[in-house]
PDB file of N, CA and C in Angstrom:
ATOM      1  N   MET A   1     -15.570  25.798  36.651  1.00  0.00           N
ATOM      2  CA  MET A   1     -16.593  25.830  36.657  1.00  0.00           C
ATOM      3  C   MET A   1     -16.861  27.057  37.458  1.00  0.00           C
ATOM      4  N   HIS A   2     -16.189  28.293  38.401  1.00  0.00           N
ATOM      5  CA  HIS A   2     -16.256  28.872  39.122  1.00  0.00           C
ATOM      6  C   HIS A   2     -16.359  30.134  37.940  1.00  0.00           C
ATOM      7  N   LEU A   3     -15.702  29.732  36.664  1.00  0.00           N
ATOM      8  CA  LEU A   3     -16.124  30.820  35.254  1.00  0.00           C
ATOM      9  C   LEU A   3     -17.582  30.579  35.531  1.00  0.00           C
ATOM     10  N   THR A   4     -18.329  29.514  34.778  1.00  0.00           N
ATOM     11  CA  THR A   4     -19.045  29.190  34.636  1.00  0.00           C
ATOM     12  C   THR A   4     -20.008  30.038  35.239  1.00  0.00           C
ATOM     13  N   ALA A   5     -20.373  29.677  36.734  1.00  0.00           N
ATOM     14  CA  ALA A   5     -20.656  30.242  38.048  1.00  0.00           C
ATOM     15  C   ALA A   5     -21.065  31.553  38.025  1.00  0.00           C
ATOM     16  N   LEU A   6     -19.725  32.483  37.787  1.00  0.00           N
ATOM     17  CA  LEU A   6     -19.625  33.914  37.301  1.00  0.00           C
ATOM     18  C   LEU A   6     -20.262  34.318  36.628  1.00  0.00           C
ATOM     19  N   VAL A   7     -20.573  33.417  35.343  1.00  0.00           N
ATOM     20  CA  VAL A   7     -21.170  34.229  34.246  1.00  0.00           C
ATOM     21  C   VAL A   7     -22.595  33.890  34.697  1.00  0.00           C
ATOM     22  N   ILE A   8     -23.084  32.759  34.747  1.00  0.00           N
ATOM     23  CA  ILE A   8     -24.240  32.646  35.276  1.00  0.00           C
ATOM     24  C   ILE A   8     -24.972  33.958  36.028  1.00  0.00           C
ATOM     25  N   ALA A   9     -24.207  34.107  36.902  1.00  0.00           N
ATOM     26  CA  ALA A   9     -24.657  35.314  38.361  1.00  0.00           C
ATOM     27  C   ALA A   9     -24.601  35.902  37.743  1.00  0.00           C
ATOM     28  N   LEU A  10     -23.757  36.698  36.856  1.00  0.00           N
ATOM     29  CA  LEU A  10     -24.092  38.451  36.205  1.00  0.00           C
ATOM     30  C   LEU A  10     -25.042  38.039  35.223  1.00  0.00           C
ATOM     31  N   LEU A  11     -25.376  37.033  34.598  1.00  0.00           N
ATOM     32  CA  LEU A  11     -26.412  36.977  33.568  1.00  0.00           C
ATOM     33  C   LEU A  11     -27.834  36.994  34.341  1.00  0.00           C
ATOM     34  N   ALA A  12     -27.437  36.657  35.895  1.00  0.00           N
ATOM     35  CA  ALA A  12     -28.956  36.649  36.381  1.00  0.00           C
ATOM     36  C   ALA A  12     -29.190  38.315  37.201  1.00  0.00           C
ATOM     37  N   CYS A  13     -27.558  38.983  37.419  1.00  0.00           N
ATOM     38  CA  CYS A  13     -28.040  40.280  37.454  1.00  0.00           C
ATOM     39  C   CYS A  13     -28.213  41.373  36.669  1.00  0.00           C
ATOM     40  N   VAL A  14     -27.970  40.621  35.901  1.00  0.00           N
ATOM     41  CA  VAL A  14     -29.070  41.419  34.253  1.00  0.00           C
ATOM     42  C   VAL A  14     -30.182  41.438  33.747  1.00  0.00           C
ATOM     43  N   ALA A  15     -30.641  40.064  34.218  1.00  0.00           N
ATOM     44  CA  ALA A  15     -31.892  40.024  33.864  1.00  0.00           C
ATOM     45  C   ALA A  15     -33.116  40.726  34.726  1.00  0.00           C
ATOM     46  N   ILE A  16     -32.159  40.811  36.053  1.00  0.00           N
ATOM     47  CA  ILE A  16     -33.221  40.994  36.979  1.00  0.00           C
ATOM     48  C   ILE A  16     -33.582  42.308  37.100  1.00  0.00           C
ATOM     49  N   ALA A  17     -32.410  43.199  36.666  1.00  0.00           N
ATOM     50  CA  ALA A  17     -32.603  44.482  36.316  1.00  0.00           C
ATOM     51  C   ALA A  17     -33.657  44.516  34.793  1.00  0.00           C
ATOM     52  N   VAL A  18     -33.306  43.814  34.077  1.00  0.00           N
ATOM     53  CA  VAL A  18     -34.499  43.895  33.156  1.00  0.00           C
ATOM     54  C   VAL A  18     -35.758  43.876  33.364  1.00  0.00           C
ATOM     55  N   VAL A  19     -36.207  42.604  34.015  1.00  0.00           N
ATOM     56  CA  VAL A  19     -37.476  42.614  34.511  1.00  0.00           C
ATOM     57  C   VAL A  19     -37.984  43.738  35.463  1.00  0.00           C
ATOM     58  N   GLY A  20     -37.026  44.279  36.539  1.00  0.00           N
ATOM     59  CA  GLY A  20     -37.681  45.559  37.140  1.00  0.00           C
ATOM     60  C   GLY A  20     -37.372  46.723  36.004  1.00  0.00           C
ATOM     61  N   ALA A  21     -36.780  47.172  34.939  1.00  0.00           N
ATOM     62  CA  ALA A  21     -37.007  47.858  34.015  1.00  0.00           C
ATOM     63  C   ALA A  21     -38.370  47.613  33.279  1.00  0.00           C
ATOM     64  N   ARG A  22     -38.905  46.519  33.419  1.00  0.00           N
ATOM     65  CA  ARG A  22     -39.749  45.941  32.272  1.00  0.00           C
ATOM     66  C   ARG A  22     -41.157  46.517  33.608  1.00  0.00           C
ATOM     67  N   PHE A  23     -41.323  46.667  34.564  1.00  0.00           N
ATOM     68  CA  PHE A  23     -42.234  47.328  35.427  1.00  0.00           C
ATOM     69  C   PHE A  23     -42.034  48.692  35.496  1.00  0.00           C
ATOM     70  N   LEU A  24     -41.275  49.188  35.051  1.00  0.00           N
ATOM     71  CA  LEU A  24     -40.979  50.252  35.226  1.00  0.00           C
ATOM     72  C   LEU A  24     -41.877  50.912  33.428  1.00  0.00           C
ATOM     73  N   LEU A  25     -41.313  50.156  32.750  1.00  0.00           N
ATOM     74  CA  LEU A  25     -41.228  50.900  31.350  1.00  0.00           C
ATOM     75  C   LEU A  25     -43.032  50.119  30.565  1.00  0.00           C
ATOM     76  N   VAL A  26     -43.237  49.250  30.924  1.00  0.00           N
ATOM     77  CA  VAL A  26     -44.787  48.266  30.878  1.00  0.00           C
ATOM     78  C   VAL A  26     -45.612  47.638  31.719  1.00  0.00           C
ATOM     79  N   PRO A  27     -46.114  48.393  32.605  1.00  0.00           N
ATOM     80  CA  PRO A  27     -45.953  47.975  34.107  1.00  0.00           C
ATOM     81  C   PRO A  27     -47.341  46.987  34.071  1.00  0.00           C
ATOM     82  N   GLN A  28     -48.539  47.365  33.168  1.00  0.00           N
ATOM     83  CA  GLN A  28     -49.664  46.421  33.000  1.00  0.00           C
ATOM     84  C   GLN A  28     -48.920  44.847  32.354  1.00  0.00           C
ATOM     85  N   ARG A  29     -48.124  45.198  31.604  1.00  0.00           N
ATOM     86  CA  ARG A  29     -47.690  43.638  31.043  1.00  0.00           C
ATOM     87  C   ARG A  29     -46.633  42.845  31.596  1.00  0.00           C
ATOM     88  N   ALA A  30     -45.833  43.632  32.446  1.00  0.00           N
ATOM     89  CA  ALA A  30     -44.792  42.881  33.408  1.00  0.00           C
ATOM     90  C   ALA A  30     -46.118  42.303  34.641  1.00  0.00           C
ATOM     91  N   THR A  31     -46.570  43.293  35.088  1.00  0.00           N
ATOM     92  CA  THR A  31     -47.732  42.303  36.227  1.00  0.00           C
ATOM     93  C   THR A  31     -48.313  41.486  35.497  1.00  0.00           C
ATOM     94  N   LEU A  32     -49.281  41.206  34.318  1.00  0.00           N
ATOM     95  CA  LEU A  32     -49.303  40.275  34.154  1.00  0.00           C
ATOM     96  C   LEU A  32     -48.958  38.661  34.440  1.00  0.00           C
ATOM     97  N   ASP A  33     -47.707  38.965  33.427  1.00  0.00           N
ATOM     98  CA  ASP A  33     -46.401  38.319  32.957  1.00  0.00           C
ATOM     99  C   ASP A  33     -45.819  37.884  34.998  1.00  0.00           C
ATOM    100  N   TYR A  34     -45.748  38.470  35.578  1.00  0.00           N
ATOM    101  CA  TYR A  34     -45.229  37.972  36.854  1.00  0.00           C
ATOM    102  C   TYR A  34     -46.765  37.074  37.882  1.00  0.00           C
ATOM    103  N   GLY A  35     -47.573  37.366  36.908  1.00  0.00           N
ATOM    104  CA  GLY A  35     -48.811  36.234  37.592  1.00  0.00           C
ATOM    105  C   GLY A  35     -49.637  36.877  38.627  1.00  0.00           C
ATOM    106  N   ALA A  36     -49.845  38.179  38.490  1.00  0.00           N
ATOM    107  CA  ALA A  36     -50.515  38.981  39.405  1.00  0.00           C
ATOM    108  C   ALA A  36     -51.791  40.195  38.425  1.00  0.00           C
ATOM    109  N   ARG A  37     -52.604  40.037  39.125  1.00  0.00           N
ATOM    110  CA  ARG A  37     -53.889  40.685  38.323  1.00  0.00           C
ATOM    111  C   ARG A  37     -53.088  42.267  38.196  1.00  0.00           C
ATOM    112  N   VAL A  38     -53.895  42.815  37.542  1.00  0.00           N
ATOM    113  CA  VAL A  38     -52.937  44.516  37.579  1.00  0.00           C
ATOM    114  C   VAL A  38     -53.909  45.166  38.714  1.00  0.00           C
ATOM    115  N   ASP A  39     -55.174  44.686  38.608  1.00  0.00           N
ATOM    116  CA  ASP A  39     -55.594  45.726  39.524  1.00  0.00           C
ATOM    117  C   ASP A  39     -55.777  45.016  41.383  1.00  0.00           C
ATOM    118  N   ASP A  40     -54.573  44.256  41.646  1.00  0.00           N
ATOM    119  CA  ASP A  40     -54.428  43.970  42.607  1.00  0.00           C
ATOM    120  C   ASP A  40     -53.365  44.635  43.661  1.00  0.00           C
ATOM    121  N   LEU A  41     -53.556  45.549  44.339  1.00  0.00           N
ATOM    122  CA  LEU A  41     -52.802  46.268  45.142  1.00  0.00           C
ATOM    123  C   LEU A  41     -52.758  45.415  45.938  1.00  0.00           C
ATOM    124  N   ARG A  42     -52.790  44.468  46.783  1.00  0.00           N
ATOM    125  CA  ARG A  42     -52.425  43.778  47.873  1.00  0.00           C
ATOM    126  C   ARG A  42     -50.950  42.833  47.412  1.00  0.00           C
ATOM    127  N   ALA A  43     -51.249  42.161  46.114  1.00  0.00           N
ATOM    128  CA  ALA A  43     -49.991  41.774  45.292  1.00  0.00           C
ATOM    129  C   ALA A  43     -48.833  42.295  45.186  1.00  0.00           C
ATOM    130  N   LEU A  44     -49.054  43.512  44.840  1.00  0.00           N
ATOM    131  CA  LEU A  44     -48.223  44.906  44.298  1.00  0.00           C
ATOM    132  C   LEU A  44     -47.626  45.085  45.778  1.00  0.00           C
ATOM    133  N   THR A  45     -48.053  45.306  46.599  1.00  0.00           N
ATOM    134  CA  THR A  45     -47.567  45.842  48.114  1.00  0.00           C
ATOM    135  C   THR A  45     -46.804  44.036  48.658  1.00  0.00           C
ATOM    136  N   ALA A  46     -46.767  43.351  48.714  1.00  0.00           N
ATOM    137  CA  ALA A  46     -46.592  42.257  48.322  1.00  0.00           C
ATOM    138  C   ALA A  46     -45.049  41.820  48.081  1.00  0.00           C
ATOM    139  N   ILE A  47     -45.415  42.237  46.630  1.00  0.00           N
ATOM    140  CA  ILE A  47     -43.804  42.556  46.298  1.00  0.00           C
ATOM    141  C   ILE A  47     -42.866  42.975  46.844  1.00  0.00           C
ATOM    142  N   LYS A  48     -43.320  44.452  46.991  1.00  0.00           N
ATOM    143  CA  LYS A  48     -42.592  45.386  47.302  1.00  0.00           C
ATOM    144  C   LYS A  48     -41.854  44.757  48.555  1.00  0.00           C
ATOM    145  N   GLY A  49     -42.701  44.420  49.761  1.00  0.00           N
ATOM    146  CA  GLY A  49     -42.479  43.893  50.392  1.00  0.00           C
ATOM    147  C   GLY A  49     -41.328  43.365  50.841  1.00  0.00           C
ATOM    148  N   VAL A  50     -41.094  42.504  49.793  1.00  0.00           N
ATOM    149  CA  VAL A  50     -40.318  40.875  50.254  1.00  0.00           C
ATOM    150  C   VAL A  50     -39.252  41.581  49.369  1.00  0.00           C
ATOM    151  N   ARG A  51     -39.358  42.272  48.256  1.00  0.00           N
ATOM    152  CA  ARG A  51     -37.807  42.958  47.863  1.00  0.00           C
ATOM    153  C   ARG A  51     -37.080  43.858  49.022  1.00  0.00           C
ATOM    154  N   ASP A  52     -38.349  44.816  50.200  1.00  0.00           N
ATOM    155  CA  ASP A  52     -37.622  45.202  50.586  1.00  0.00           C
ATOM    156  C   ASP A  52     -36.652  44.450  51.358  1.00  0.00           C
ATOM    157  N   ILE A  53     -37.169  43.559  51.725  1.00  0.00           N
ATOM    158  CA  ILE A  53     -36.449  42.476  52.870  1.00  0.00           C
ATOM    159  C   ILE A  53     -35.461  42.125  52.305  1.00  0.00           C
ATOM    160  N   THR A  54     -35.517  41.331  51.401  1.00  0.00           N
ATOM    161  CA  THR A  54     -34.589  40.633  50.242  1.00  0.00           C
ATOM    162  C   THR A  54     -33.561  41.888  50.357  1.00  0.00           C
ATOM    163  N   SER A  55     -33.501  43.051  49.949  1.00  0.00           N
ATOM    164  CA  SER A  55     -32.708  44.347  50.244  1.00  0.00           C
ATOM    165  C   SER A  55     -31.552  44.391  51.268  1.00  0.00           C
ATOM    166  N   GLY A  56     -32.835  44.648  52.247  1.00  0.00           N
ATOM    167  CA  GLY A  56     -31.979  44.148  53.561  1.00  0.00           C
ATOM    168  C   GLY A  56     -30.935  43.230  53.860  1.00  0.00           C
ATOM    169  N   VAL A  57     -31.368  41.887  53.394  1.00  0.00           N
ATOM    170  CA  VAL A  57     -30.884  41.035  53.830  1.00  0.00           C
ATOM    171  C   VAL A  57     -29.369  40.587  52.916  1.00  0.00           C
ATOM    172  N   VAL A  58     -29.438  40.809  52.027  1.00  0.00           N
ATOM    173  CA  VAL A  58     -28.636  40.732  50.535  1.00  0.00           C
ATOM    174  C   VAL A  58     -27.650  42.356  51.434  1.00  0.00           C
ATOM    175  N   LEU A  59     -27.891  43.140  51.888  1.00  0.00           N
ATOM    176  CA  LEU A  59     -26.380  43.758  52.353  1.00  0.00           C
ATOM    177  C   LEU A  59     -26.171  43.637  53.836  1.00  0.00           C
ATOM    178  N   LEU A  60     -26.696  42.639  54.582  1.00  0.00           N
ATOM    179  CA  LEU A  60     -26.019  41.776  55.762  1.00  0.00           C
ATOM    180  C   LEU A  60     -25.278  40.460  55.406  1.00  0.00           C
ATOM    181  N   VAL A  61     -25.566  39.837  54.120  1.00  0.00           N
ATOM    182  CA  VAL A  61     -24.901  38.778  53.657  1.00  0.00           C
ATOM    183  C   VAL A  61     -23.260  39.655  52.776  1.00  0.00           C
ATOM    184  N   VAL A  62     -23.736  40.407  52.411  1.00  0.00           N
ATOM    185  CA  VAL A  62     -22.420  41.229  51.679  1.00  0.00           C
ATOM    186  C   VAL A  62     -21.298  41.984  53.348  1.00  0.00           C
ATOM    187  N   TRP A  63     -22.058  42.062  54.225  1.00  0.00           N
ATOM    188  CA  TRP A  63     -21.387  42.431  55.406  1.00  0.00           C
ATOM    189  C   TRP A  63     -20.595  41.434  55.781  1.00  0.00           C
ATOM    190  N   ALA A  64     -21.442  40.207  56.000  1.00  0.00           N
ATOM    191  CA  ALA A  64     -20.472  38.959  57.003  1.00  0.00           C
ATOM    192  C   ALA A  64     -19.734  38.472  55.568  1.00  0.00           C
ATOM    193  N   ALA A  65     -20.014  38.725  54.434  1.00  0.00           N
ATOM    194  CA  ALA A  65     -18.859  37.934  53.555  1.00  0.00           C
ATOM    195  C   ALA A  65     -17.639  38.988  52.947  1.00  0.00           C
ATOM    196  N   GLY A  66     -17.954  40.085  52.944  1.00  0.00           N
ATOM    197  CA  GLY A  66     -16.741  40.744  52.685  1.00  0.00           C
ATOM    198  C   GLY A  66     -16.691  42.358  53.755  1.00  0.00           C
ATOM    199  N   GLY A  67     -17.058  42.392  54.565  1.00  0.00           N
ATOM    200  CA  GLY A  67     -16.569  43.185  55.765  1.00  0.00           C
ATOM    201  C   GLY A  67     -17.354  44.573  55.571  1.00  0.00           C
ATOM    202  N   SER A  68     -17.244  45.924  56.714  1.00  0.00           N
ATOM    203  CA  SER A  68     -18.186  46.784  56.675  1.00  0.00           C
ATOM    204  C   SER A  68     -17.069  47.626  55.450  1.00  0.00           C
ATOM    205  N   THR A  69     -16.074  47.505  54.474  1.00  0.00           N
ATOM    206  CA  THR A  69     -15.540  48.393  53.629  1.00  0.00           C
ATOM    207  C   THR A  69     -16.939  48.108  52.092  1.00  0.00           C
ATOM    208  N   VAL A  70     -16.423  46.395  51.569  1.00  0.00           N
ATOM    209  CA  VAL A  70     -17.488  46.326  50.687  1.00  0.00           C
ATOM    210  C   VAL A  70     -19.068  46.452  51.034  1.00  0.00           C
ATOM    211  N   LEU A  71     -19.595  46.467  52.540  1.00  0.00           N
ATOM    212  CA  LEU A  71     -20.753  47.162  53.078  1.00  0.00           C
ATOM    213  C   LEU A  71     -21.324  48.295  52.457  1.00  0.00           C
ATOM    214  N   GLY A  72     -19.935  49.106  53.223  1.00  0.00           N
ATOM    215  CA  GLY A  72     -20.484  50.779  52.608  1.00  0.00           C
ATOM    216  C   GLY A  72     -20.194  50.657  51.225  1.00  0.00           C
ATOM    217  N   TRP A  73     -19.954  50.304  50.313  1.00  0.00           N
ATOM    218  CA  TRP A  73     -19.753  50.233  48.872  1.00  0.00           C
ATOM    219  C   TRP A  73     -21.551  50.038  48.187  1.00  0.00           C
ATOM    220  N   GLY A  74     -22.241  48.728  49.248  1.00  0.00           N
ATOM    221  CA  GLY A  74     -23.005  48.225  48.513  1.00  0.00           C
ATOM    222  C   GLY A  74     -24.110  49.471  49.408  1.00  0.00           C
ATOM    223  N   LEU A  75     -24.246  49.672  50.364  1.00  0.00           N
ATOM    224  CA  LEU A  75     -25.174  51.120  50.857  1.00  0.00           C
ATOM    225  C   LEU A  75     -24.993  51.964  50.041  1.00  0.00           C
ATOM    226  N   VAL A  76     -23.953  52.518  49.838  1.00  0.00           N
ATOM    227  CA  VAL A  76     -23.863  53.664  48.531  1.00  0.00           C
ATOM    228  C   VAL A  76     -24.833  53.167  47.298  1.00  0.00           C
ATOM    229  N   ALA A  77     -24.582  52.097  46.388  1.00  0.00           N
ATOM    230  CA  ALA A  77     -25.132  51.685  45.689  1.00  0.00           C
ATOM    231  C   ALA A  77     -26.362  51.175  46.165  1.00  0.00           C
ATOM    232  N   ALA A  78     -27.286  50.735  47.435  1.00  0.00           N
ATOM    233  CA  ALA A  78     -28.440  50.759  47.596  1.00  0.00           C
ATOM    234  C   ALA A  78     -29.126  51.620  47.419  1.00  0.00           C
ATOM    235  N   ALA A  79     -28.260  53.268  47.457  1.00  0.00           N
ATOM    236  CA  ALA A  79     -29.363  54.401  47.586  1.00  0.00           C
ATOM    237  C   ALA A  79     -29.884  54.842  46.258  1.00  0.00           C
ATOM    238  N   VAL A  80     -29.697  54.089  45.334  1.00  0.00           N
ATOM    239  CA  VAL A  80     -30.730  54.037  44.012  1.00  0.00           C
ATOM    240  C   VAL A  80     -32.272  53.752  44.407  1.00  0.00           C
ATOM    241  N   THR A  81     -32.305  53.142  45.273  1.00  0.00           N
ATOM    242  CA  THR A  81     -33.902  52.632  45.396  1.00  0.00           C
ATOM    243  C   THR A  81     -34.159  54.001  46.519  1.00  0.00           C
ATOM    244  N   PRO A  82     -34.239  54.108  47.253  1.00  0.00           N
ATOM    245  CA  PRO A  82     -34.786  55.762  48.173  1.00  0.00           C
ATOM    246  C   PRO A  82     -35.025  56.162  47.018  1.00  0.00           C
ATOM    247  N   LEU A  83     -33.528  56.731  46.331  1.00  0.00           N
ATOM    248  CA  LEU A  83     -33.873  57.826  44.791  1.00  0.00           C
ATOM    249  C   LEU A  83     -34.701  57.750  44.222  1.00  0.00           C
ATOM    250  N   ALA A  84     -35.516  56.411  43.690  1.00  0.00           N
ATOM    251  CA  ALA A  84     -35.933  56.144  43.114  1.00  0.00           C
ATOM    252  C   ALA A  84     -37.220  55.942  43.634  1.00  0.00           C
ATOM    253  N   ASP A  85     -37.393  55.832  45.061  1.00  0.00           N
ATOM    254  CA  ASP A  85     -38.859  56.161  45.457  1.00  0.00           C
ATOM    255  C   ASP A  85     -39.169  57.474  45.582  1.00  0.00           C
ATOM    256  N   ALA A  86     -38.318  58.588  45.816  1.00  0.00           N
ATOM    257  CA  ALA A  86     -38.482  59.878  45.970  1.00  0.00           C
ATOM    258  C   ALA A  86     -39.495  60.125  44.247  1.00  0.00           C
ATOM    259  N   ALA A  87     -38.144  59.804  43.567  1.00  0.00           N
ATOM    260  CA  ALA A  87     -38.808  60.038  42.121  1.00  0.00           C
ATOM    261  C   ALA A  87     -40.480  59.703  42.193  1.00  0.00           C
ATOM    262  N   VAL A  88     -40.637  58.292  42.260  1.00  0.00           N
ATOM    263  CA  VAL A  88     -41.875  57.973  42.434  1.00  0.00           C
ATOM    264  C   VAL A  88     -42.991  58.986  43.226  1.00  0.00           C
ATOM    265  N   VAL A  89     -42.452  59.364  44.119  1.00  0.00           N
ATOM    266  CA  VAL A  89     -43.874  59.381  44.696  1.00  0.00           C
ATOM    267  C   VAL A  89     -44.350  60.882  44.500  1.00  0.00           C
ATOM    268  N   LEU A  90     -42.949  61.442  43.787  1.00  0.00           N
ATOM    269  CA  LEU A  90     -43.208  63.423  43.511  1.00  0.00           C
ATOM    270  C   LEU A  90     -43.386  62.997  41.885  1.00  0.00           C
ATOM    271  N   THR A  91     -43.501  62.104  40.848  1.00  0.00           N
ATOM    272  CA  THR A  91     -43.954  62.091  39.724  1.00  0.00           C
ATOM    273  C   THR A  91     -45.667  61.211  39.670  1.00  0.00           C
ATOM    274  N   ARG A  92     -45.732  60.700  40.830  1.00  0.00           N
ATOM    275  CA  ARG A  92     -47.333  60.082  40.716  1.00  0.00           C
ATOM    276  C   ARG A  92     -48.004  60.906  42.225  1.00  0.00           C
ATOM    277  N   GLY A  93     -48.187  62.318  41.875  1.00  0.00           N
ATOM    278  CA  GLY A  93     -48.607  62.993  42.943  1.00  0.00           C
ATOM    279  C   GLY A  93     -48.952  62.733  44.160  1.00  0.00           C
ATOM    280  N   GLY A  94     -47.544  62.357  45.041  1.00  0.00           N
ATOM    281  CA  GLY A  94     -47.619  62.269  46.383  1.00  0.00           C
ATOM    282  C   GLY A  94     -46.925  63.452  46.784  1.00  0.00           C
ATOM    283  N   LYS A  95     -46.606  63.449  48.339  1.00  0.00           N
ATOM    284  CA  LYS A  95     -46.484  64.549  48.898  1.00  0.00           C
ATOM    285  C   LYS A  95     -44.888  64.735  48.944  1.00  0.00           C
ATOM    286  N   PRO A  96     -44.070  65.887  48.804  1.00  0.00           N
ATOM    287  CA  PRO A  96     -42.818  66.718  48.490  1.00  0.00           C
ATOM    288  C   PRO A  96     -42.455  65.888  49.676  1.00  0.00           C
ATOM    289  N   ALA A  97     -43.027  66.450  50.982  1.00  0.00           N
ATOM    290  CA  ALA A  97     -42.348  66.540  52.414  1.00  0.00           C
ATOM    291  C   ALA A  97     -42.106  64.472  52.255  1.00  0.00           C
ATOM    292  N   THR A  98     -42.801  63.915  52.151  1.00  0.00           N
ATOM    293  CA  THR A  98     -42.614  62.424  52.099  1.00  0.00           C
ATOM    294  C   THR A  98     -41.119  61.897  51.461  1.00  0.00           C
ATOM    295  N   ALA A  99     -41.169  62.389  49.995  1.00  0.00           N
ATOM    296  CA  ALA A  99     -40.137  62.182  48.839  1.00  0.00           C
ATOM    297  C   ALA A  99     -39.180  62.955  49.642  1.00  0.00           C
ATOM    298  N   PHE A 100     -39.107  63.604  50.241  1.00  0.00           N
ATOM    299  CA  PHE A 100     -37.540  64.420  50.382  1.00  0.00           C
ATOM    300  C   PHE A 100     -37.451  64.207  52.152  1.00  0.00           C
ATOM    301  N   GLY A 101     -38.181  63.986  52.747  1.00  0.00           N
ATOM    302  CA  GLY A 101     -38.237  63.574  54.408  1.00  0.00           C
ATOM    303  C   GLY A 101     -38.248  62.147  54.089  1.00  0.00           C
ATOM    304  N   VAL A 102     -38.722  61.288  53.729  1.00  0.00           N
ATOM    305  CA  VAL A 102     -38.636  60.044  54.339  1.00  0.00           C
ATOM    306  C   VAL A 102     -37.122  59.249  53.043  1.00  0.00           C
ATOM    307  N   HIS A 103     -37.901  59.419  51.901  1.00  0.00           N
ATOM    308  CA  HIS A 103     -36.912  58.785  51.040  1.00  0.00           C
ATOM    309  C   HIS A 103     -35.322  59.167  50.480  1.00  0.00           C
ATOM    310  N   GLY A 104     -35.611  60.974  50.293  1.00  0.00           N
ATOM    311  CA  GLY A 104     -34.120  61.453  49.918  1.00  0.00           C
ATOM    312  C   GLY A 104     -33.484  61.440  51.394  1.00  0.00           C
ATOM    313  N   ALA A 105     -33.865  61.480  52.704  1.00  0.00           N
ATOM    314  CA  ALA A 105     -32.685  61.524  53.534  1.00  0.00           C
ATOM    315  C   ALA A 105     -32.254  59.862  53.855  1.00  0.00           C
ATOM    316  N   THR A 106     -33.140  59.202  53.611  1.00  0.00           N
ATOM    317  CA  THR A 106     -32.935  57.565  53.553  1.00  0.00           C
ATOM    318  C   THR A 106     -31.376  57.474  52.411  1.00  0.00           C
ATOM    319  N   ALA A 107     -31.657  58.106  51.477  1.00  0.00           N
ATOM    320  CA  ALA A 107     -30.628  58.302  50.615  1.00  0.00           C
ATOM    321  C   ALA A 107     -29.884  58.669  51.064  1.00  0.00           C
ATOM    322  N   ALA A 108     -29.697  59.604  51.378  1.00  0.00           N
ATOM    323  CA  ALA A 108     -28.024  60.553  51.881  1.00  0.00           C
ATOM    324  C   ALA A 108     -28.069  59.900  53.469  1.00  0.00           C
ATOM    325  N   LEU A 109     -28.667  59.247  54.149  1.00  0.00           N
ATOM    326  CA  LEU A 109     -27.774  58.499  55.265  1.00  0.00           C
ATOM    327  C   LEU A 109     -27.492  57.441  54.560  1.00  0.00           C
ATOM    328  N   LEU A 110     -27.738  56.621  53.787  1.00  0.00           N
ATOM    329  CA  LEU A 110     -27.242  55.312  53.395  1.00  0.00           C
ATOM    330  C   LEU A 110     -25.766  55.666  52.444  1.00  0.00           C
ATOM    331  N   VAL A 111     -25.672  57.125  51.616  1.00  0.00           N
ATOM    332  CA  VAL A 111     -24.405  57.162  50.880  1.00  0.00           C
ATOM    333  C   VAL A 111     -23.599  58.187  51.968  1.00  0.00           C
ATOM    334  N   ALA A 112     -23.759  58.799  53.124  1.00  0.00           N
ATOM    335  CA  ALA A 112     -22.913  59.278  54.119  1.00  0.00           C
ATOM    336  C   ALA A 112     -22.361  58.009  54.801  1.00  0.00           C
ATOM    337  N   ALA A 113     -23.261  57.143  55.654  1.00  0.00           N
ATOM    338  CA  ALA A 113     -23.054  56.024  56.048  1.00  0.00           C
ATOM    339  C   ALA A 113     -21.922  55.355  54.944  1.00  0.00           C
ATOM    340  N   GLY A 114     -22.526  54.894  53.846  1.00  0.00           N
ATOM    341  CA  GLY A 114     -21.383  53.740  52.762  1.00  0.00           C
ATOM    342  C   GLY A 114     -20.425  54.215  52.301  1.00  0.00           C
ATOM    343  N   LEU A 115     -20.492  56.078  52.345  1.00  0.00           N
ATOM    344  CA  LEU A 115     -18.881  56.282  52.408  1.00  0.00           C
ATOM    345  C   LEU A 115     -17.838  56.471  53.434  1.00  0.00           C
ATOM    346  N   VAL A 116     -18.532  56.559  54.809  1.00  0.00           N
ATOM    347  CA  VAL A 116     -17.310  56.350  55.932  1.00  0.00           C
ATOM    348  C   VAL A 116     -16.855  54.940  56.358  1.00  0.00           C
ATOM    349  N   LEU A 117     -17.456  54.227  55.600  1.00  0.00           N
ATOM    350  CA  LEU A 117     -17.561  52.624  55.938  1.00  0.00           C
ATOM    351  C   LEU A 117     -16.751  52.152  54.732  1.00  0.00           C
ATOM    352  N   ALA A 118     -16.994  52.862  53.420  1.00  0.00           N
ATOM    353  CA  ALA A 118     -15.995  52.232  52.319  1.00  0.00           C
ATOM    354  C   ALA A 118     -14.500  52.972  52.414  1.00  0.00           C
ATOM    355  N   LEU A 119     -14.569  54.257  52.575  1.00  0.00           N
ATOM    356  CA  LEU A 119     -13.321  55.139  52.636  1.00  0.00           C
ATOM    357  C   LEU A 119     -12.345  55.168  53.701  1.00  0.00           C
ATOM    358  N   GLY A 120     -13.413  54.226  54.604  1.00  0.00           N
ATOM    359  CA  GLY A 120     -12.559  54.692  56.233  1.00  0.00           C
ATOM    360  C   GLY A 120     -12.071  55.825  56.731  1.00  0.00           C
TER     361      GLY A 120
END
């Protein structure tokens, strides 16, 4: 039973990564398949908001269940998000100051705090 649950969990992890990749590679199709209109900015900001909340909650659960060392590694992994956010800002005509000052700084803080926690 435990092995079956683990396999399902790992498949779900891969599947959600594939879903995310679809939004990057074929955004219109992925948005329509999600159930939102492509021109509905509010739907897209709601999707982002829910995912940001989930990212924070997941890290809190990781901390509660695994302790500060596991949280540290989770923070290092979570730094992918603000790094990707910085890339989006830079490639979509946003301000470099925002890309580096907000998103880049967030990634650096996550990695720094994460490594301190993970490596003790």
